[in-house]
Amino acid sequence: MLRKITIGQYYSIESFIHKLDPRVKLFATLMYVISLFVVNNWAGYLLGALALAVYIRASKVPLSFIMRGLKPIIFLLCFSVLFNLFLTDGGKVLISFWIIKITTEGVKSAFFMGIRLIMLIIGSSIMTYTTTPNQLTDAMEKSLGFLNKVKVPVHELAMMMSIALRFIPILVEETDKIMKAQLARGANFEEGNLIQRAKAMVPILVPLFISAFRRATDLALAMEARCYHGGDGRTKMKPLKYKRCDYMMYAAFAIYFASMLGSRFLPL
């Protein structure tokens, strides 16, 4: 099951999106996330879904690989949908029983929340599928470089994000190994009530935390042994440079965002 987790992984393939400057993809993801919280009707969500479909098509990342990334958030998705379904008032009452009341406005809010979360996760994941951790680090450091003037450690923050992304598949693989080892010793993670299942996870979490701290210590020692001292005076092996296609993508997302703002005024 753990091997099906795809969030944070890089999918190596030749595509138009893979070749874009990582700053463009960072900007596009930010604009897309903001746009999902701007829209308030069907037209906006249809436009957002169409833009996402075109983006996925251009990235050449298989849809099945992308959909696997939704499995870890199914609980959060269901919780958010039910929360909006039962606690949103307004409109015509469809079902009323004891303290449970479902209205047309609640159904609409729950549906939009579910669609928004799915599009949010997929849109954000496409950036990590098509961009290596090093590229994301360089993009973040370059884009937020102006914050260095107010003593914000941009390079260190970008490096922390890069290390976190790199450790996701490593920790997933480590968890899978520990679970298989515990299963071979007779552990059972599928039976029992919620408290029993939580207790059964302790033999997994303890060695996982120990392994994570050990890896962090080894990484810190390796950086110190190589005299790492931050971003001052450091140069890039592959400096970021904009191309014509990058400017075209900036223009395309500016048009998209303007269209999403305009969709708010449509009577749909």
C-alpha atoms as a PDB file:
ATOM      1  CA  MET A   1       0.000   0.000   0.000  1.00  0.00           C
ATOM      2  CA  LEU A   2       2.783   2.428   0.880  1.00  0.00           C
ATOM      3  CA  ARG A   3       4.379   2.001  -2.531  1.00  0.00           C
ATOM      4  CA  LYS A   4       1.239   3.528  -4.045  1.00  0.00           C
ATOM      5  CA  ILE A   5       1.972   6.885  -2.417  1.00  0.00           C
ATOM      6  CA  THR A   6       3.161   9.190  -5.197  1.00  0.00           C
ATOM      7  CA  ILE A   7       3.046  12.627  -3.561  1.00  0.00           C
ATOM      8  CA  GLY A   8       6.433  14.336  -3.669  1.00  0.00           C
ATOM      9  CA  GLN A   9       7.917  11.953  -6.245  1.00  0.00           C
ATOM     10  CA  TYR A  10       9.484  13.036  -9.520  1.00  0.00           C
ATOM     11  CA  TYR A  11       8.204  11.330 -12.681  1.00  0.00           C
ATOM     12  CA  SER A  12      11.037  11.258 -15.226  1.00  0.00           C
ATOM     13  CA  ILE A  13       9.779  11.686 -18.781  1.00  0.00           C
ATOM     14  CA  GLU A  14      10.306  14.083 -21.688  1.00  0.00           C
ATOM     15  CA  SER A  15       7.496  16.631 -21.911  1.00  0.00           C
ATOM     16  CA  PHE A  16       6.813  20.308 -22.499  1.00  0.00           C
ATOM     17  CA  ILE A  17       6.061  20.894 -18.807  1.00  0.00           C
ATOM     18  CA  HIS A  18       9.246  19.145 -17.663  1.00  0.00           C
ATOM     19  CA  LYS A  19      11.329  21.521 -19.798  1.00  0.00           C
ATOM     20  CA  LEU A  20       9.792  24.700 -18.371  1.00  0.00           C
ATOM     21  CA  ASP A  21      11.708  26.891 -15.975  1.00  0.00           C
ATOM     22  CA  PRO A  22      10.880  25.756 -12.411  1.00  0.00           C
ATOM     23  CA  ARG A  23      10.019  29.355 -11.490  1.00  0.00           C
ATOM     24  CA  VAL A  24       7.228  29.260 -14.057  1.00  0.00           C
ATOM     25  CA  LYS A  25       5.828  26.050 -12.577  1.00  0.00           C
ATOM     26  CA  LEU A  26       6.077  27.484  -9.063  1.00  0.00           C
ATOM     27  CA  PHE A  27       4.205  30.607 -10.169  1.00  0.00           C
ATOM     28  CA  ALA A  28       1.628  28.561 -12.115  1.00  0.00           C
ATOM     29  CA  THR A  29       0.928  26.324  -9.123  1.00  0.00           C
ATOM     30  CA  LEU A  30       0.508  29.325  -6.826  1.00  0.00           C
ATOM     31  CA  MET A  31      -1.878  31.031  -9.261  1.00  0.00           C
ATOM     32  CA  TYR A  32      -3.850  27.827  -9.731  1.00  0.00           C
ATOM     33  CA  VAL A  33      -4.256  27.283  -5.992  1.00  0.00           C
ATOM     34  CA  ILE A  34      -5.395  30.887  -5.499  1.00  0.00           C
ATOM     35  CA  SER A  35      -7.822  30.634  -8.410  1.00  0.00           C
ATOM     36  CA  LEU A  36      -9.559  27.625  -6.824  1.00  0.00           C
ATOM     37  CA  PHE A  37     -10.435  29.763  -3.802  1.00  0.00           C
ATOM     38  CA  VAL A  38     -11.584  32.651  -5.991  1.00  0.00           C
ATOM     39  CA  VAL A  39     -14.278  30.846  -7.998  1.00  0.00           C
ATOM     40  CA  ASN A  40     -17.786  30.443  -6.622  1.00  0.00           C
ATOM     41  CA  ASN A  41     -19.816  28.848  -9.441  1.00  0.00           C
ATOM     42  CA  TRP A  42     -19.898  25.989 -11.947  1.00  0.00           C
ATOM     43  CA  ALA A  43     -18.290  27.983 -14.747  1.00  0.00           C
ATOM     44  CA  GLY A  44     -15.160  28.658 -12.684  1.00  0.00           C
ATOM     45  CA  TYR A  45     -14.713  25.027 -11.662  1.00  0.00           C
ATOM     46  CA  LEU A  46     -15.233  23.827 -15.235  1.00  0.00           C
ATOM     47  CA  LEU A  47     -12.595  26.289 -16.420  1.00  0.00           C
ATOM     48  CA  GLY A  48     -10.215  25.148 -13.658  1.00  0.00           C
ATOM     49  CA  ALA A  49     -10.793  21.489 -14.536  1.00  0.00           C
ATOM     50  CA  LEU A  50     -10.179  22.194 -18.233  1.00  0.00           C
ATOM     51  CA  ALA A  51      -6.918  24.022 -17.467  1.00  0.00           C
ATOM     52  CA  LEU A  52      -5.814  21.151 -15.216  1.00  0.00           C
ATOM     53  CA  ALA A  53      -6.624  18.578 -17.909  1.00  0.00           C
ATOM     54  CA  VAL A  54      -4.551  20.485 -20.481  1.00  0.00           C
ATOM     55  CA  TYR A  55      -1.682  20.803 -17.996  1.00  0.00           C
ATOM     56  CA  ILE A  56      -1.748  17.063 -17.229  1.00  0.00           C
ATOM     57  CA  ARG A  57      -1.858  16.248 -20.934  1.00  0.00           C
ATOM     58  CA  ALA A  58       1.154  18.459 -21.607  1.00  0.00           C
ATOM     59  CA  SER A  59       3.100  16.892 -18.708  1.00  0.00           C
ATOM     60  CA  LYS A  60       2.638  13.329 -20.086  1.00  0.00           C
ATOM     61  CA  VAL A  61       2.345  12.004 -16.523  1.00  0.00           C
ATOM     62  CA  PRO A  62      -0.063   9.010 -16.560  1.00  0.00           C
ATOM     63  CA  LEU A  63      -3.447   9.775 -15.036  1.00  0.00           C
ATOM     64  CA  SER A  64      -3.352   6.497 -13.074  1.00  0.00           C
ATOM     65  CA  PHE A  65      -0.085   7.597 -11.439  1.00  0.00           C
ATOM     66  CA  ILE A  66      -1.646  10.950 -10.522  1.00  0.00           C
ATOM     67  CA  MET A  67      -4.827   9.415  -9.111  1.00  0.00           C
ATOM     68  CA  ARG A  68      -2.781   7.178  -6.797  1.00  0.00           C
ATOM     69  CA  GLY A  69      -1.647  10.334  -5.062  1.00  0.00           C
ATOM     70  CA  LEU A  70      -5.232  10.981  -3.919  1.00  0.00           C
ATOM     71  CA  LYS A  71      -5.436   7.830  -1.793  1.00  0.00           C
ATOM     72  CA  PRO A  72      -3.582   9.269   1.243  1.00  0.00           C
ATOM     73  CA  ILE A  73      -6.092  12.170   1.468  1.00  0.00           C
ATOM     74  CA  ILE A  74      -9.318  10.155   1.125  1.00  0.00           C
ATOM     75  CA  PHE A  75     -10.024  10.488   4.875  1.00  0.00           C
ATOM     76  CA  LEU A  76      -9.426  14.257   4.804  1.00  0.00           C
ATOM     77  CA  LEU A  77     -11.562  14.538   1.679  1.00  0.00           C
ATOM     78  CA  CYS A  78     -14.477  12.615   3.202  1.00  0.00           C
ATOM     79  CA  PHE A  79     -14.244  14.556   6.458  1.00  0.00           C
ATOM     80  CA  SER A  80     -14.303  17.932   4.662  1.00  0.00           C
ATOM     81  CA  VAL A  81     -17.226  16.921   2.434  1.00  0.00           C
ATOM     82  CA  LEU A  82     -19.322  15.610   5.352  1.00  0.00           C
ATOM     83  CA  PHE A  83     -18.453  18.637   7.487  1.00  0.00           C
ATOM     84  CA  ASN A  84     -19.771  20.990   4.798  1.00  0.00           C
ATOM     85  CA  LEU A  85     -22.749  18.752   4.003  1.00  0.00           C
ATOM     86  CA  PHE A  86     -24.158  18.657   7.550  1.00  0.00           C
ATOM     87  CA  LEU A  87     -23.093  22.048   8.903  1.00  0.00           C
ATOM     88  CA  THR A  88     -24.006  24.378   6.036  1.00  0.00           C
ATOM     89  CA  ASP A  89     -27.394  26.103   6.279  1.00  0.00           C
ATOM     90  CA  GLY A  90     -29.325  27.828   3.536  1.00  0.00           C
ATOM     91  CA  GLY A  91     -31.569  26.881   0.668  1.00  0.00           C
ATOM     92  CA  LYS A  92     -34.240  24.196   0.688  1.00  0.00           C
ATOM     93  CA  VAL A  93     -34.158  21.518   3.407  1.00  0.00           C
ATOM     94  CA  LEU A  94     -33.763  18.085   1.794  1.00  0.00           C
ATOM     95  CA  ILE A  95     -33.378  15.834   4.858  1.00  0.00           C
ATOM     96  CA  SER A  96     -34.106  16.641   8.486  1.00  0.00           C
ATOM     97  CA  PHE A  97     -33.676  13.952  11.133  1.00  0.00           C
ATOM     98  CA  TRP A  98     -32.820  14.548  14.793  1.00  0.00           C
ATOM     99  CA  ILE A  99     -29.771  16.858  14.726  1.00  0.00           C
ATOM    100  CA  ILE A 100     -28.996  16.031  11.078  1.00  0.00           C
ATOM    101  CA  LYS A 101     -30.127  18.530   8.485  1.00  0.00           C
ATOM    102  CA  ILE A 102     -29.106  18.526   4.837  1.00  0.00           C
ATOM    103  CA  THR A 103     -29.932  21.525   2.656  1.00  0.00           C
ATOM    104  CA  THR A 104     -29.411  22.333  -0.993  1.00  0.00           C
ATOM    105  CA  GLU A 105     -26.763  24.874  -0.023  1.00  0.00           C
ATOM    106  CA  GLY A 106     -24.999  22.192   2.045  1.00  0.00           C
ATOM    107  CA  VAL A 107     -24.965  19.770  -0.886  1.00  0.00           C
ATOM    108  CA  LYS A 108     -23.580  22.491  -3.145  1.00  0.00           C
ATOM    109  CA  SER A 109     -20.927  23.495  -0.609  1.00  0.00           C
ATOM    110  CA  ALA A 110     -19.895  19.853   0.002  1.00  0.00           C
ATOM    111  CA  PHE A 111     -19.611  19.134  -3.724  1.00  0.00           C
ATOM    112  CA  PHE A 112     -17.562  22.247  -4.409  1.00  0.00           C
ATOM    113  CA  MET A 113     -15.296  21.515  -1.433  1.00  0.00           C
ATOM    114  CA  GLY A 114     -14.639  17.972  -2.652  1.00  0.00           C
ATOM    115  CA  ILE A 115     -13.887  19.136  -6.196  1.00  0.00           C
ATOM    116  CA  ARG A 116     -11.677  21.938  -4.884  1.00  0.00           C
ATOM    117  CA  LEU A 117      -9.580  19.612  -2.705  1.00  0.00           C
ATOM    118  CA  ILE A 118      -9.124  17.074  -5.514  1.00  0.00           C
ATOM    119  CA  MET A 119      -8.066  19.742  -8.010  1.00  0.00           C
ATOM    120  CA  LEU A 120      -5.841  21.360  -5.375  1.00  0.00           C
ATOM    121  CA  ILE A 121      -3.940  18.135  -4.634  1.00  0.00           C
ATOM    122  CA  ILE A 122      -3.600  17.157  -8.299  1.00  0.00           C
ATOM    123  CA  GLY A 123      -2.536  20.656  -9.379  1.00  0.00           C
ATOM    124  CA  SER A 124       0.089  20.865  -6.625  1.00  0.00           C
ATOM    125  CA  SER A 125       1.335  17.327  -7.272  1.00  0.00           C
ATOM    126  CA  ILE A 126       1.954  18.030 -10.963  1.00  0.00           C
ATOM    127  CA  MET A 127       4.654  20.488  -9.920  1.00  0.00           C
ATOM    128  CA  THR A 128       6.566  17.823  -7.964  1.00  0.00           C
ATOM    129  CA  TYR A 129       5.979  15.191 -10.674  1.00  0.00           C
ATOM    130  CA  THR A 130       7.582  17.412 -13.309  1.00  0.00           C
ATOM    131  CA  THR A 131      10.253  19.192 -11.243  1.00  0.00           C
ATOM    132  CA  THR A 132      13.233  17.726  -9.416  1.00  0.00           C
ATOM    133  CA  PRO A 133      13.891  18.772  -5.788  1.00  0.00           C
ATOM    134  CA  ASN A 134      17.037  20.625  -6.886  1.00  0.00           C
ATOM    135  CA  GLN A 135      15.063  22.607  -9.461  1.00  0.00           C
ATOM    136  CA  LEU A 136      12.412  23.486  -6.890  1.00  0.00           C
ATOM    137  CA  THR A 137      15.117  24.646  -4.492  1.00  0.00           C
ATOM    138  CA  ASP A 138      16.717  26.846  -7.126  1.00  0.00           C
ATOM    139  CA  ALA A 139      13.334  28.257  -8.174  1.00  0.00           C
ATOM    140  CA  MET A 140      12.328  29.102  -4.623  1.00  0.00           C
ATOM    141  CA  GLU A 141      15.697  30.630  -3.806  1.00  0.00           C
ATOM    142  CA  LYS A 142      15.738  32.694  -6.999  1.00  0.00           C
ATOM    143  CA  SER A 143      12.124  33.852  -6.699  1.00  0.00           C
ATOM    144  CA  LEU A 144      12.410  34.876  -3.035  1.00  0.00           C
ATOM    145  CA  GLY A 145      15.927  36.276  -3.277  1.00  0.00           C
ATOM    146  CA  PHE A 146      14.680  39.799  -2.503  1.00  0.00           C
ATOM    147  CA  LEU A 147      13.889  38.660   1.065  1.00  0.00           C
ATOM    148  CA  ASN A 148      17.619  38.361   1.757  1.00  0.00           C
ATOM    149  CA  LYS A 149      17.637  42.139   2.133  1.00  0.00           C
ATOM    150  CA  VAL A 150      15.494  41.822   5.256  1.00  0.00           C
ATOM    151  CA  LYS A 151      17.667  39.007   6.678  1.00  0.00           C
ATOM    152  CA  VAL A 152      15.327  36.135   5.745  1.00  0.00           C
ATOM    153  CA  PRO A 153      17.399  32.918   5.227  1.00  0.00           C
ATOM    154  CA  VAL A 154      15.925  32.094   1.828  1.00  0.00           C
ATOM    155  CA  HIS A 155      18.664  29.631   0.864  1.00  0.00           C
ATOM    156  CA  GLU A 156      18.296  27.664   4.092  1.00  0.00           C
ATOM    157  CA  LEU A 157      14.510  27.526   3.754  1.00  0.00           C
ATOM    158  CA  ALA A 158      14.784  26.325   0.164  1.00  0.00           C
ATOM    159  CA  MET A 159      17.314  23.691   1.155  1.00  0.00           C
ATOM    160  CA  MET A 160      15.024  22.447   3.941  1.00  0.00           C
ATOM    161  CA  MET A 161      12.174  22.081   1.440  1.00  0.00           C
ATOM    162  CA  SER A 162      14.433  20.176  -0.938  1.00  0.00           C
ATOM    163  CA  ILE A 163      15.597  17.791   1.808  1.00  0.00           C
ATOM    164  CA  ALA A 164      11.998  17.213   2.937  1.00  0.00           C
ATOM    165  CA  LEU A 165      10.928  16.304  -0.606  1.00  0.00           C
ATOM    166  CA  ARG A 166      13.896  13.970  -1.002  1.00  0.00           C
ATOM    167  CA  PHE A 167      13.099  12.188   2.269  1.00  0.00           C
ATOM    168  CA  ILE A 168       9.452  11.413   1.384  1.00  0.00           C
ATOM    169  CA  PRO A 169      10.164   8.363  -0.847  1.00  0.00           C
ATOM    170  CA  ILE A 170      13.008   7.263   1.468  1.00  0.00           C
ATOM    171  CA  LEU A 171      10.772   7.263   4.549  1.00  0.00           C
ATOM    172  CA  VAL A 172       7.950   5.542   2.630  1.00  0.00           C
ATOM    173  CA  GLU A 173      10.338   2.768   1.617  1.00  0.00           C
ATOM    174  CA  GLU A 174      11.688   2.526   5.176  1.00  0.00           C
ATOM    175  CA  THR A 175       8.136   2.254   6.563  1.00  0.00           C
ATOM    176  CA  ASP A 176       7.332  -0.489   4.079  1.00  0.00           C
ATOM    177  CA  LYS A 177      10.394  -2.487   5.179  1.00  0.00           C
ATOM    178  CA  ILE A 178       9.527  -2.098   8.875  1.00  0.00           C
ATOM    179  CA  MET A 179       5.905  -3.169   8.286  1.00  0.00           C
ATOM    180  CA  LYS A 180       7.019  -6.288   6.416  1.00  0.00           C
ATOM    181  CA  ALA A 181       9.478  -7.136   9.187  1.00  0.00           C
ATOM    182  CA  GLN A 182       6.776  -6.742  11.852  1.00  0.00           C
ATOM    183  CA  LEU A 183       4.295  -8.800   9.798  1.00  0.00           C
ATOM    184  CA  ALA A 184       6.896 -11.578   9.580  1.00  0.00           C
ATOM    185  CA  ARG A 185       7.024 -11.525  13.386  1.00  0.00           C
ATOM    186  CA  GLY A 186       3.249 -11.988  13.646  1.00  0.00           C
ATOM    187  CA  ALA A 187       2.073  -8.368  13.940  1.00  0.00           C
ATOM    188  CA  ASN A 188      -1.494  -7.583  12.819  1.00  0.00           C
ATOM    189  CA  PHE A 189      -2.360  -4.089  11.603  1.00  0.00           C
ATOM    190  CA  GLU A 190      -5.784  -4.767  10.049  1.00  0.00           C
ATOM    191  CA  GLU A 191      -7.871  -6.244  12.901  1.00  0.00           C
ATOM    192  CA  GLY A 192      -9.219  -4.754  16.113  1.00  0.00           C
ATOM    193  CA  ASN A 193     -10.817  -1.428  17.039  1.00  0.00           C
ATOM    194  CA  LEU A 194      -9.292   2.000  16.560  1.00  0.00           C
ATOM    195  CA  ILE A 195      -7.328   1.932  19.833  1.00  0.00           C
ATOM    196  CA  GLN A 196      -5.912  -1.533  19.122  1.00  0.00           C
ATOM    197  CA  ARG A 197      -4.831  -0.479  15.643  1.00  0.00           C
ATOM    198  CA  ALA A 198      -3.185   2.632  17.080  1.00  0.00           C
ATOM    199  CA  LYS A 199      -1.240   0.483  19.569  1.00  0.00           C
ATOM    200  CA  ALA A 200      -0.212  -1.845  16.741  1.00  0.00           C
ATOM    201  CA  MET A 201       1.409   1.115  14.974  1.00  0.00           C
ATOM    202  CA  VAL A 202       3.847   1.741  17.848  1.00  0.00           C
ATOM    203  CA  PRO A 203       6.319  -0.999  16.692  1.00  0.00           C
ATOM    204  CA  ILE A 204       6.392   0.809  13.339  1.00  0.00           C
ATOM    205  CA  LEU A 205       6.635   4.412  14.496  1.00  0.00           C
ATOM    206  CA  VAL A 206       9.431   3.911  17.038  1.00  0.00           C
ATOM    207  CA  PRO A 207      12.003   2.374  14.631  1.00  0.00           C
ATOM    208  CA  LEU A 208      10.842   4.781  11.903  1.00  0.00           C
ATOM    209  CA  PHE A 209      11.590   7.822  14.093  1.00  0.00           C
ATOM    210  CA  ILE A 210      14.940   6.349  15.134  1.00  0.00           C
ATOM    211  CA  SER A 211      15.834   5.737  11.489  1.00  0.00           C
ATOM    212  CA  ALA A 212      14.753   9.274  10.505  1.00  0.00           C
ATOM    213  CA  PHE A 213      16.855  10.879  13.261  1.00  0.00           C
ATOM    214  CA  ARG A 214      19.829   8.698  12.298  1.00  0.00           C
ATOM    215  CA  ARG A 215      19.544   9.768   8.657  1.00  0.00           C
ATOM    216  CA  ALA A 216      19.243  13.418   9.699  1.00  0.00           C
ATOM    217  CA  THR A 217      22.367  13.114  11.859  1.00  0.00           C
ATOM    218  CA  ASP A 218      24.320  11.448   9.034  1.00  0.00           C
ATOM    219  CA  LEU A 219      23.235  14.191   6.637  1.00  0.00           C
ATOM    220  CA  ALA A 220      24.279  16.944   9.066  1.00  0.00           C
ATOM    221  CA  LEU A 221      27.698  15.330   9.582  1.00  0.00           C
ATOM    222  CA  ALA A 222      28.173  14.950   5.820  1.00  0.00           C
ATOM    223  CA  MET A 223      27.353  18.642   5.263  1.00  0.00           C
ATOM    224  CA  GLU A 224      29.758  19.705   8.011  1.00  0.00           C
ATOM    225  CA  ALA A 225      32.496  17.445   6.601  1.00  0.00           C
ATOM    226  CA  ARG A 226      32.098  19.206   3.233  1.00  0.00           C
ATOM    227  CA  CYS A 227      32.336  22.649   4.893  1.00  0.00           C
ATOM    228  CA  TYR A 228      28.813  23.661   3.950  1.00  0.00           C
ATOM    229  CA  HIS A 229      28.184  27.281   4.955  1.00  0.00           C
ATOM    230  CA  GLY A 230      24.950  28.370   3.300  1.00  0.00           C
ATOM    231  CA  GLY A 231      24.208  30.366   0.162  1.00  0.00           C
ATOM    232  CA  ASP A 232      26.796  33.168   0.420  1.00  0.00           C
ATOM    233  CA  GLY A 233      29.157  33.046  -2.539  1.00  0.00           C
ATOM    234  CA  ARG A 234      27.754  29.786  -3.907  1.00  0.00           C
ATOM    235  CA  THR A 235      27.331  29.388  -7.656  1.00  0.00           C
ATOM    236  CA  LYS A 236      24.964  27.181  -9.664  1.00  0.00           C
ATOM    237  CA  MET A 237      25.993  24.396 -11.997  1.00  0.00           C
ATOM    238  CA  LYS A 238      22.849  25.036 -14.049  1.00  0.00           C
ATOM    239  CA  PRO A 239      21.750  28.671 -13.601  1.00  0.00           C
ATOM    240  CA  LEU A 240      18.102  29.390 -14.328  1.00  0.00           C
ATOM    241  CA  LYS A 241      17.408  31.274 -17.555  1.00  0.00           C
ATOM    242  CA  TYR A 242      14.044  32.117 -19.073  1.00  0.00           C
ATOM    243  CA  LYS A 243      13.196  30.959 -22.590  1.00  0.00           C
ATOM    244  CA  ARG A 244      10.483  31.989 -24.993  1.00  0.00           C
ATOM    245  CA  CYS A 245       8.166  29.164 -23.902  1.00  0.00           C
ATOM    246  CA  ASP A 246       8.475  30.325 -20.284  1.00  0.00           C
ATOM    247  CA  TYR A 247       7.198  33.810 -21.134  1.00  0.00           C
ATOM    248  CA  MET A 248       4.378  32.215 -23.119  1.00  0.00           C
ATOM    249  CA  MET A 249       3.356  30.166 -20.065  1.00  0.00           C
ATOM    250  CA  TYR A 250       3.394  33.284 -17.893  1.00  0.00           C
ATOM    251  CA  ALA A 251       1.033  34.956 -20.364  1.00  0.00           C
ATOM    252  CA  ALA A 252      -1.186  31.857 -20.568  1.00  0.00           C
ATOM    253  CA  PHE A 253      -1.602  31.677 -16.791  1.00  0.00           C
ATOM    254  CA  ALA A 254      -2.230  35.412 -16.567  1.00  0.00           C
ATOM    255  CA  ILE A 255      -5.094  34.962 -19.051  1.00  0.00           C
ATOM    256  CA  TYR A 256      -6.332  31.937 -17.136  1.00  0.00           C
ATOM    257  CA  PHE A 257      -6.342  33.784 -13.820  1.00  0.00           C
ATOM    258  CA  ALA A 258      -8.153  36.752 -15.358  1.00  0.00           C
ATOM    259  CA  SER A 259     -10.747  34.344 -16.778  1.00  0.00           C
ATOM    260  CA  MET A 260     -11.244  32.756 -13.370  1.00  0.00           C
ATOM    261  CA  LEU A 261     -11.836  36.193 -11.854  1.00  0.00           C
ATOM    262  CA  GLY A 262     -14.310  36.991 -14.636  1.00  0.00           C
ATOM    263  CA  SER A 263     -16.202  33.748 -14.051  1.00  0.00           C
ATOM    264  CA  ARG A 264     -17.328  35.061 -10.660  1.00  0.00           C
ATOM    265  CA  PHE A 265     -19.706  37.436 -12.419  1.00  0.00           C
ATOM    266  CA  LEU A 266     -21.371  34.741 -14.536  1.00  0.00           C
ATOM    267  CA  PRO A 267     -24.873  33.699 -13.381  1.00  0.00           C
ATOM    268  CA  LEU A 268     -24.029  29.974 -13.136  1.00  0.00           C
END
